[in-house]
Amino acid sequence: MTSNTHRHTATKKCRHCGAALTTIFADLGATPVSNDYLREADRDGPESYYPLRAFVCDSCRLVQLEDFRRANELFREDYAYFSSVSTSWLAHASRYADAMSERFGLSSASTVVEVASNDGYLLQYFHAKKINVLGIEPCRSVAEFAIRDKSIPTRIEFFGEKTGKRLAAEGFAADLTAANNVLAHVPDINDFVSGFREILKPEGVSTFEFPHLLNLIELNQFDTIYHEHFSYLSLLAADRFFAANGLRVFDVEAIPTHGGSLRLFVCRKDASWKRTERVEELLHLERTAGLDGDAAYLAFAEKVRETKRALLELLIGLKRQGKTIAAYGAPAKGNTLLNYCGVGSDFLEFTVDRSPQKQGMYLPGTRLPIKAPEAIDALKPDYILILPWNIKDEIVKQMAHAREWGCKFIVPIPRAQIF
């Protein structure tokens, strides 16, 4: 028996299978769009807030947000996220290029296509191996950087079935396609994955990396829910929507990025790749964890509220002792966390970020200023709240000198703690 707070009566339809969405997975109130950073001129003006509510489809088990804005509004031409800012992410990309080149025997006769290629952070490693590459990236600012600074040929457009067909006809049929942390970002998931069916060579392979829904649930990673993420993915749901669009998942790896992700290996349904044991093992793990029923999804809402209470208790206690706290990072997940928990300038002095594109801007909702990391050295706060907790080790290493004045670090997820 589920309480009414977990049910929703207005008719919303699943973006994959069209079934009515009635079961609420998480309700984070209304928040501004996470990547809508404010310029100095806008900081005293109005902001748009949208409900941030995730549903699980009772039929195909795809966890998804309601649609309030079109993708071309969410991923603007001046989108501020440059993948190359994170050294750990670059190392991950380099390892991927080596592993895939070896596993699939890629050579100068091969073609690698990346969808959502950002600033060329990944394709540069294939390019260095003399493999033919093509990036597809809808955001002009990062795409132009890839073309200009990294010599990575890039098409500035959204990807889908028509794009895949056209590029294959133009000679870009792919031996390997990569799509990292983009599957969650697409509103029309069927059209998007159909594009890979069209662009792949008959025995070509597509890899998809995305944060694993099971980790989001088990480790309380509710801050990874934001408007730019339309879907939250399990292998159970992905296996269904790939199959419905003429593709097959034949292998899977669990990888540590973004708080625990999956890398799926996908081919056309009639390709000769054999399905590995790992796929069946992971499907079994998800079923055992309850991802094919309702209970695991319904229990999540209370875990989210408890995470909020724990963070507020910790910060209130520190402020009552007269401590100063600055934040590190300006990731989208940080904006979900701060807005949902109601943490603003009453707790934090400012945040810092290594990305020059974000410095001088303000966080949406909280209006906290984003400064260069040196601002922490000037203030010498007692505590640093790490917002991109998925790269906390990298940040602690960068800020190791803060220990000289006795500064400690706070991580908010899975439960607020000082370390």
Protein backbone atom coordinates (compact mmCIF):
# COMPACT_ATOMS: atom_id res chain seq x y z
CA MET A 1 0.00 0.00 0.00
CA THR A 2 1.56 3.33 -1.01
CA SER A 3 0.66 6.72 0.39
CA ASN A 4 -0.88 9.37 -1.81
CA THR A 5 2.31 11.46 -1.66
CA HIS A 6 3.89 8.86 -3.95
CA ARG A 7 1.13 9.02 -6.56
CA HIS A 8 0.36 11.66 -9.12
CA THR A 9 -2.90 11.83 -11.02
CA ALA A 10 -2.31 14.25 -13.93
CA THR A 11 -1.55 12.35 -17.11
CA LYS A 12 2.08 12.46 -18.08
CA LYS A 13 3.41 9.87 -20.48
CA CYS A 14 6.65 7.85 -20.39
CA ARG A 15 9.15 9.22 -22.91
CA HIS A 16 10.06 5.69 -24.02
CA CYS A 17 6.94 3.50 -23.93
CA GLY A 18 4.10 6.04 -23.63
CA ALA A 19 2.58 4.50 -20.45
CA ALA A 20 1.00 6.90 -17.94
CA LEU A 21 3.43 8.15 -15.27
CA THR A 22 1.90 8.06 -11.79
CA THR A 23 4.66 6.90 -9.39
CA ILE A 24 6.83 9.70 -7.95
CA PHE A 25 10.51 8.83 -7.37
CA ALA A 26 11.71 12.18 -5.97
CA ASP A 27 10.11 15.58 -5.53
CA LEU A 28 12.71 18.32 -5.02
CA GLY A 29 10.28 21.24 -5.14
CA ALA A 30 10.77 24.03 -7.70
CA THR A 31 14.31 25.05 -8.64
CA PRO A 32 16.00 27.19 -11.29
CA VAL A 33 17.70 25.36 -14.18
CA SER A 34 21.04 24.12 -12.82
CA ASN A 35 23.28 25.44 -15.58
CA ASP A 36 21.62 28.87 -15.83
CA TYR A 37 24.46 30.78 -14.14
CA LEU A 38 23.74 34.48 -13.67
CA ARG A 39 25.91 37.34 -14.92
CA GLU A 40 26.58 40.36 -12.72
CA ALA A 41 23.92 42.32 -14.65
CA ASP A 42 21.26 39.65 -13.97
CA ARG A 43 21.89 38.96 -10.29
CA ASP A 44 19.22 41.40 -9.10
CA GLY A 45 16.64 40.36 -11.71
CA PRO A 46 13.99 37.62 -11.76
CA GLU A 47 14.69 33.91 -12.34
CA SER A 48 12.49 31.13 -13.71
CA TYR A 49 11.81 28.21 -11.38
CA TYR A 50 10.45 24.85 -12.60
CA PRO A 51 9.16 21.82 -10.67
CA LEU A 52 11.93 19.26 -10.21
CA ARG A 53 10.03 16.01 -9.91
CA ALA A 54 11.12 12.56 -11.11
CA PHE A 55 8.72 9.70 -11.91
CA VAL A 56 9.35 6.01 -12.51
CA CYS A 57 7.43 4.33 -15.33
CA ASP A 58 5.47 1.38 -13.92
CA SER A 59 5.78 -0.37 -17.28
CA CYS A 60 9.38 -0.02 -18.59
CA ARG A 61 11.02 1.26 -15.35
CA LEU A 62 12.57 4.36 -16.92
CA VAL A 63 13.02 7.06 -14.24
CA GLN A 64 12.40 10.46 -15.79
CA LEU A 65 11.59 14.12 -15.24
CA GLU A 66 8.60 16.02 -16.52
CA ASP A 67 9.42 18.13 -19.58
CA PHE A 68 9.26 21.87 -18.99
CA ARG A 69 11.85 23.21 -21.40
CA ARG A 70 13.10 22.19 -24.81
CA ALA A 71 16.63 20.81 -25.10
CA ASN A 72 17.77 23.73 -27.26
CA GLU A 73 16.95 26.06 -24.34
CA LEU A 74 18.78 23.89 -21.82
CA PHE A 75 21.91 23.45 -23.94
CA ARG A 76 22.50 26.96 -25.14
CA GLU A 77 25.24 28.15 -27.48
CA ASP A 78 27.21 29.48 -24.49
CA TYR A 79 26.82 26.34 -22.33
CA ALA A 80 29.53 26.70 -19.69
CA TYR A 81 30.63 23.09 -19.16
CA PHE A 82 34.06 22.28 -20.64
CA SER A 83 34.99 18.61 -20.05
CA SER A 84 38.73 19.27 -20.22
CA VAL A 85 38.68 21.25 -16.96
CA SER A 86 38.77 18.01 -14.92
CA THR A 87 42.13 16.21 -14.98
CA SER A 88 40.60 12.97 -13.69
CA TRP A 89 38.05 13.05 -16.55
CA LEU A 90 40.83 13.50 -19.13
CA ALA A 91 42.67 10.51 -17.67
CA HIS A 92 39.44 8.49 -17.93
CA ALA A 93 39.08 9.50 -21.62
CA SER A 94 42.68 8.55 -22.39
CA ARG A 95 42.26 5.09 -20.80
CA TYR A 96 39.04 4.58 -22.79
CA ALA A 97 40.77 5.39 -26.10
CA ASP A 98 43.55 2.89 -25.36
CA ALA A 99 41.17 0.13 -24.21
CA MET A 100 38.72 0.47 -27.13
CA SER A 101 41.50 0.73 -29.76
CA GLU A 102 42.95 -2.52 -28.44
CA ARG A 103 39.69 -4.42 -27.91
CA PHE A 104 38.20 -3.55 -31.30
CA GLY A 105 41.42 -3.40 -33.33
CA LEU A 106 40.98 0.22 -34.41
CA SER A 107 43.42 1.60 -37.00
CA SER A 108 43.82 4.46 -39.49
CA ALA A 109 41.13 2.70 -41.56
CA SER A 110 38.62 3.01 -38.69
CA THR A 111 36.14 5.78 -37.86
CA VAL A 112 35.23 6.84 -34.32
CA VAL A 113 32.24 9.16 -33.83
CA GLU A 114 31.44 10.78 -30.49
CA VAL A 115 28.00 12.19 -29.78
CA ALA A 116 28.09 15.09 -27.30
CA SER A 117 31.80 15.47 -28.00
CA ASN A 118 32.04 18.70 -25.95
CA ASP A 119 35.47 20.35 -26.32
CA GLY A 120 37.19 17.36 -27.97
CA TYR A 121 38.36 16.00 -24.58
CA LEU A 122 37.94 12.33 -25.76
CA LEU A 123 38.40 12.37 -29.53
CA GLN A 124 41.83 14.04 -29.17
CA TYR A 125 43.18 10.68 -27.94
CA PHE A 126 41.87 8.76 -30.98
CA HIS A 127 43.06 11.59 -33.25
CA ALA A 128 46.57 11.17 -31.80
CA LYS A 129 46.43 7.49 -32.85
CA LYS A 130 45.72 8.59 -36.48
CA ILE A 131 42.16 7.17 -36.31
CA ASN A 132 39.47 9.10 -38.24
CA VAL A 133 37.22 11.02 -35.84
CA LEU A 134 34.06 13.10 -35.94
CA GLY A 135 32.44 14.94 -33.06
CA ILE A 136 28.74 15.84 -32.89
CA GLU A 137 28.00 18.60 -30.39
CA PRO A 138 24.97 20.95 -30.23
CA CYS A 139 26.65 23.65 -28.11
CA ARG A 140 28.51 26.09 -30.31
CA SER A 141 30.97 27.44 -27.71
CA VAL A 142 32.48 24.06 -26.80
CA ALA A 143 32.29 22.70 -30.38
CA GLU A 144 34.19 25.69 -31.76
CA PHE A 145 36.86 25.19 -29.10
CA ALA A 146 37.28 21.55 -30.23
CA ILE A 147 37.62 22.61 -33.88
CA ARG A 148 39.90 25.58 -33.25
CA ASP A 149 42.10 24.40 -30.36
CA LYS A 150 42.16 20.63 -30.84
CA SER A 151 41.66 20.23 -34.63
CA ILE A 152 38.74 17.84 -34.01
CA PRO A 153 36.21 17.94 -36.91
CA THR A 154 32.87 18.65 -35.22
CA ARG A 155 29.29 19.05 -36.45
CA ILE A 156 27.26 21.55 -34.43
CA GLU A 157 23.86 19.83 -34.22
CA PHE A 158 21.63 17.54 -32.18
CA PHE A 159 21.86 13.80 -32.88
CA GLY A 160 18.99 11.50 -33.81
CA GLU A 161 17.80 9.00 -36.42
CA LYS A 162 17.96 11.45 -39.36
CA THR A 163 21.43 12.72 -38.41
CA GLY A 164 22.77 9.16 -38.08
CA LYS A 165 21.39 8.19 -41.50
CA ARG A 166 22.77 11.34 -43.18
CA LEU A 167 26.26 11.01 -41.65
CA ALA A 168 26.49 7.32 -42.65
CA ALA A 169 25.59 8.33 -46.23
CA GLU A 170 28.31 11.02 -46.09
CA GLY A 171 30.96 8.39 -45.31
CA PHE A 172 31.02 8.56 -41.51
CA ALA A 173 29.68 5.03 -40.87
CA ALA A 174 31.29 4.18 -37.53
CA ASP A 175 33.37 1.29 -36.21
CA LEU A 176 32.93 2.79 -32.75
CA THR A 177 30.66 5.49 -31.38
CA ALA A 178 30.96 6.94 -27.91
CA ALA A 179 28.21 8.71 -25.97
CA ASN A 180 29.37 9.70 -22.48
CA ASN A 181 26.89 11.18 -20.01
CA VAL A 182 24.48 12.25 -22.75
CA LEU A 183 21.81 9.51 -22.74
CA ALA A 184 20.27 11.12 -19.65
CA HIS A 185 20.19 14.51 -21.39
CA VAL A 186 17.98 13.63 -24.38
CA PRO A 187 14.24 14.30 -24.29
CA ASP A 188 13.41 11.90 -27.19
CA ILE A 189 15.30 8.78 -26.15
CA ASN A 190 13.87 6.59 -28.96
CA ASP A 191 14.93 8.97 -31.75
CA PHE A 192 18.36 9.42 -30.15
CA VAL A 193 19.27 5.73 -29.82
CA SER A 194 17.88 5.02 -33.30
CA GLY A 195 20.58 7.34 -34.62
CA PHE A 196 23.25 4.89 -33.45
CA ARG A 197 21.53 2.02 -35.28
CA GLU A 198 21.78 4.13 -38.46
CA ILE A 199 25.40 5.33 -38.11
CA LEU A 200 26.98 2.01 -37.06
CA LYS A 201 28.69 -0.28 -39.55
CA PRO A 202 27.09 -3.79 -39.53
CA GLU A 203 29.58 -4.99 -36.85
CA GLY A 204 30.19 -1.55 -35.32
CA VAL A 205 29.95 -0.98 -31.57
CA SER A 206 28.40 1.88 -29.59
CA THR A 207 29.39 2.56 -25.99
CA PHE A 208 27.21 4.56 -23.63
CA GLU A 209 28.32 5.76 -20.20
CA PHE A 210 25.85 7.10 -17.66
CA PRO A 211 25.49 7.30 -13.87
CA HIS A 212 23.90 4.06 -12.63
CA LEU A 213 20.46 4.54 -11.09
CA LEU A 214 21.23 1.82 -8.53
CA ASN A 215 24.09 3.96 -7.12
CA LEU A 216 21.90 7.06 -7.14
CA ILE A 217 19.40 5.18 -4.95
CA GLU A 218 21.84 3.33 -2.67
CA LEU A 219 24.22 6.28 -2.15
CA ASN A 220 21.55 9.02 -1.93
CA GLN A 221 22.87 10.89 -4.96
CA PHE A 222 19.67 12.93 -5.35
CA ASP A 223 21.66 16.04 -6.34
CA THR A 224 22.35 14.44 -9.72
CA ILE A 225 18.65 15.07 -10.46
CA TYR A 226 18.33 18.35 -12.38
CA HIS A 227 16.40 19.73 -15.34
CA GLU A 228 19.12 18.99 -17.91
CA HIS A 229 18.89 15.29 -16.96
CA PHE A 230 15.66 13.99 -18.44
CA SER A 231 16.27 10.29 -17.56
CA TYR A 232 17.95 8.27 -14.77
CA LEU A 233 19.04 4.92 -16.08
CA SER A 234 19.18 1.31 -15.01
CA LEU A 235 20.33 -1.55 -17.22
CA LEU A 236 16.79 -2.96 -16.97
CA ALA A 237 15.30 0.12 -18.62
CA ALA A 238 18.17 0.59 -21.12
CA ASP A 239 18.02 -3.05 -22.25
CA ARG A 240 14.33 -2.49 -23.09
CA PHE A 241 14.66 0.78 -25.00
CA PHE A 242 17.69 -0.34 -27.02
CA ALA A 243 15.89 -3.55 -28.03
CA ALA A 244 12.78 -1.58 -29.02
CA ASN A 245 14.95 0.50 -31.36
CA GLY A 246 16.79 -2.31 -33.18
CA LEU A 247 19.89 -2.50 -30.97
CA ARG A 248 21.32 -5.02 -28.50
CA VAL A 249 23.27 -4.62 -25.26
CA PHE A 250 26.02 -7.27 -25.44
CA ASP A 251 28.39 -6.26 -22.63
CA VAL A 252 28.52 -3.96 -19.60
CA GLU A 253 31.20 -2.63 -17.27
CA ALA A 254 30.77 -0.87 -13.93
CA ILE A 255 33.08 2.18 -13.85
CA PRO A 256 33.82 4.63 -11.00
CA THR A 257 33.08 7.95 -12.77
CA HIS A 258 30.31 10.31 -11.59
CA GLY A 259 29.75 8.42 -8.35
CA GLY A 260 29.43 5.03 -10.08
CA SER A 261 28.48 4.61 -13.73
CA LEU A 262 27.76 1.90 -16.28
CA ARG A 263 29.42 1.56 -19.67
CA LEU A 264 27.16 -0.36 -22.03
CA PHE A 265 28.43 -1.99 -25.22
CA VAL A 266 25.69 -1.98 -27.83
CA CYS A 267 25.47 -3.30 -31.41
CA ARG A 268 22.84 -3.68 -34.11
CA LYS A 269 20.45 -6.49 -33.23
CA ASP A 270 21.72 -8.73 -36.08
CA ALA A 271 25.47 -8.17 -35.40
CA SER A 272 27.52 -11.21 -34.32
CA TRP A 273 28.62 -9.97 -30.85
CA LYS A 274 27.73 -12.50 -28.14
CA ARG A 275 26.02 -11.32 -24.94
CA THR A 276 28.39 -11.68 -21.97
CA GLU A 277 27.67 -13.11 -18.53
CA ARG A 278 28.21 -9.62 -17.09
CA VAL A 279 24.96 -8.39 -18.63
CA GLU A 280 22.89 -11.15 -17.01
CA GLU A 281 24.71 -10.70 -13.68
CA LEU A 282 23.95 -6.99 -13.57
CA LEU A 283 20.30 -7.47 -14.57
CA HIS A 284 20.05 -9.99 -11.72
CA LEU A 285 21.67 -7.51 -9.29
CA GLU A 286 19.15 -4.78 -10.26
CA ARG A 287 16.19 -7.12 -9.90
CA THR A 288 17.46 -8.27 -6.49
CA ALA A 289 17.72 -4.60 -5.44
CA GLY A 290 14.04 -4.20 -6.37
CA LEU A 291 14.39 -2.08 -9.52
CA ASP A 292 11.70 -4.12 -11.28
CA GLY A 293 9.15 -3.40 -8.52
CA ASP A 294 7.92 -0.27 -6.72
CA ALA A 295 9.38 -0.43 -3.20
CA ALA A 296 12.97 0.69 -3.95
CA TYR A 297 11.70 3.77 -5.79
CA LEU A 298 9.12 4.70 -3.17
CA ALA A 299 11.61 4.45 -0.28
CA PHE A 300 14.00 6.91 -1.96
CA ALA A 301 11.95 10.04 -1.22
CA GLU A 302 12.44 9.73 2.54
CA LYS A 303 16.20 9.13 2.13
CA VAL A 304 16.41 12.41 0.21
CA ARG A 305 14.68 14.33 3.01
CA GLU A 306 17.01 12.77 5.61
CA THR A 307 20.10 13.80 3.59
CA LYS A 308 18.81 17.39 3.62
CA ARG A 309 18.23 17.32 7.38
CA ALA A 310 21.74 15.94 8.05
CA LEU A 311 23.43 18.64 5.94
CA LEU A 312 21.44 21.45 7.55
CA GLU A 313 22.14 20.14 11.08
CA LEU A 314 25.87 20.08 10.36
CA LEU A 315 25.99 23.57 8.80
CA ILE A 316 23.75 25.15 11.47
CA GLY A 317 25.99 23.69 14.19
CA LEU A 318 29.13 25.10 12.55
CA LYS A 319 27.63 28.56 11.99
CA ARG A 320 26.49 28.70 15.63
CA GLN A 321 30.15 28.12 16.59
CA GLY A 322 31.08 31.13 14.43
CA LYS A 323 32.83 29.10 11.72
CA THR A 324 33.34 30.38 8.15
CA ILE A 325 32.45 28.04 5.28
CA ALA A 326 33.22 28.39 1.57
CA ALA A 327 32.14 25.97 -1.17
CA TYR A 328 34.31 24.40 -3.85
CA GLY A 329 32.92 23.86 -7.34
CA ALA A 330 29.94 25.12 -9.34
CA PRO A 331 28.58 21.88 -10.84
CA ALA A 332 24.93 21.47 -11.81
CA LYS A 333 24.51 18.90 -9.01
CA GLY A 334 25.66 21.51 -6.49
CA ASN A 335 22.83 23.81 -7.54
CA THR A 336 20.23 21.07 -6.99
CA LEU A 337 21.71 20.40 -3.55
CA LEU A 338 21.89 24.04 -2.44
CA ASN A 339 18.45 25.01 -3.74
CA TYR A 340 16.66 21.93 -2.37
CA CYS A 341 18.39 22.21 1.02
CA GLY A 342 17.96 26.00 1.21
CA VAL A 343 21.68 26.64 1.67
CA GLY A 344 22.79 30.09 0.47
CA SER A 345 24.74 33.11 1.69
CA ASP A 346 23.40 32.50 5.21
CA PHE A 347 25.79 29.53 5.37
CA LEU A 348 28.37 29.98 2.60
CA GLU A 349 30.62 32.96 1.80
CA PHE A 350 31.02 32.05 -1.89
CA THR A 351 32.03 29.15 -4.09
CA VAL A 352 35.13 28.75 -6.28
CA ASP A 353 35.62 26.95 -9.57
CA ARG A 354 38.61 26.27 -11.82
CA SER A 355 36.60 26.97 -14.98
CA PRO A 356 37.31 30.54 -16.16
CA GLN A 357 33.92 30.45 -17.95
CA LYS A 358 32.13 30.27 -14.56
CA GLN A 359 34.29 32.71 -12.58
CA GLY A 360 32.58 36.07 -12.06
CA MET A 361 29.13 34.47 -12.50
CA TYR A 362 26.56 33.66 -9.78
CA LEU A 363 24.90 30.36 -8.92
CA PRO A 364 21.23 30.12 -9.98
CA GLY A 365 18.79 30.42 -7.10
CA THR A 366 21.26 31.02 -4.27
CA ARG A 367 23.06 33.85 -6.15
CA LEU A 368 26.35 32.84 -4.52
CA PRO A 369 29.34 34.42 -6.31
CA ILE A 370 31.68 32.04 -8.18
CA LYS A 371 35.33 33.05 -7.69
CA ALA A 372 38.72 31.68 -8.69
CA PRO A 373 40.19 29.06 -6.27
CA GLU A 374 42.66 31.69 -4.93
CA ALA A 375 39.73 33.33 -3.10
CA ILE A 376 39.87 30.47 -0.59
CA ASP A 377 43.52 31.26 0.19
CA ALA A 378 42.58 34.89 0.83
CA LEU A 379 39.62 34.08 3.12
CA LYS A 380 41.18 31.04 4.87
CA PRO A 381 37.77 29.55 5.81
CA ASP A 382 37.39 26.97 8.59
CA TYR A 383 35.54 24.56 6.27
CA ILE A 384 35.24 23.86 2.54
CA LEU A 385 32.00 22.25 1.32
CA ILE A 386 32.85 20.12 -1.73
CA LEU A 387 29.94 20.29 -4.21
CA PRO A 388 31.36 17.99 -6.96
CA TRP A 389 31.77 15.14 -4.44
CA ASN A 390 32.45 12.68 -7.30
CA ILE A 391 35.94 14.24 -7.70
CA LYS A 392 36.53 14.97 -4.01
CA ASP A 393 39.95 13.25 -4.00
CA GLU A 394 41.12 15.49 -6.87
CA ILE A 395 39.86 18.60 -5.03
CA VAL A 396 41.36 17.64 -1.66
CA LYS A 397 44.73 17.14 -3.41
CA GLN A 398 44.45 20.55 -5.12
CA MET A 399 43.52 22.24 -1.84
CA ALA A 400 45.87 20.25 0.44
CA HIS A 401 47.57 23.49 1.52
CA ALA A 402 44.29 24.59 3.21
CA ARG A 403 45.16 22.19 6.07
CA GLU A 404 47.99 24.58 6.99
CA TRP A 405 45.43 26.95 8.57
CA GLY A 406 43.38 24.06 10.01
CA CYS A 407 40.70 23.99 7.32
CA LYS A 408 38.55 20.84 7.06
CA PHE A 409 36.46 19.48 4.19
CA ILE A 410 32.74 18.65 4.17
CA VAL A 411 31.14 16.20 1.74
CA PRO A 412 27.31 16.35 1.56
CA ILE A 413 26.56 12.97 -0.11
CA PRO A 414 25.67 10.17 0.75
CA ARG A 415 25.40 11.83 4.17
CA ALA A 416 26.95 15.11 5.29
CA GLN A 417 30.27 14.49 6.99
CA ILE A 418 33.50 16.28 7.87
CA PHE A 419 36.73 14.58 6.88
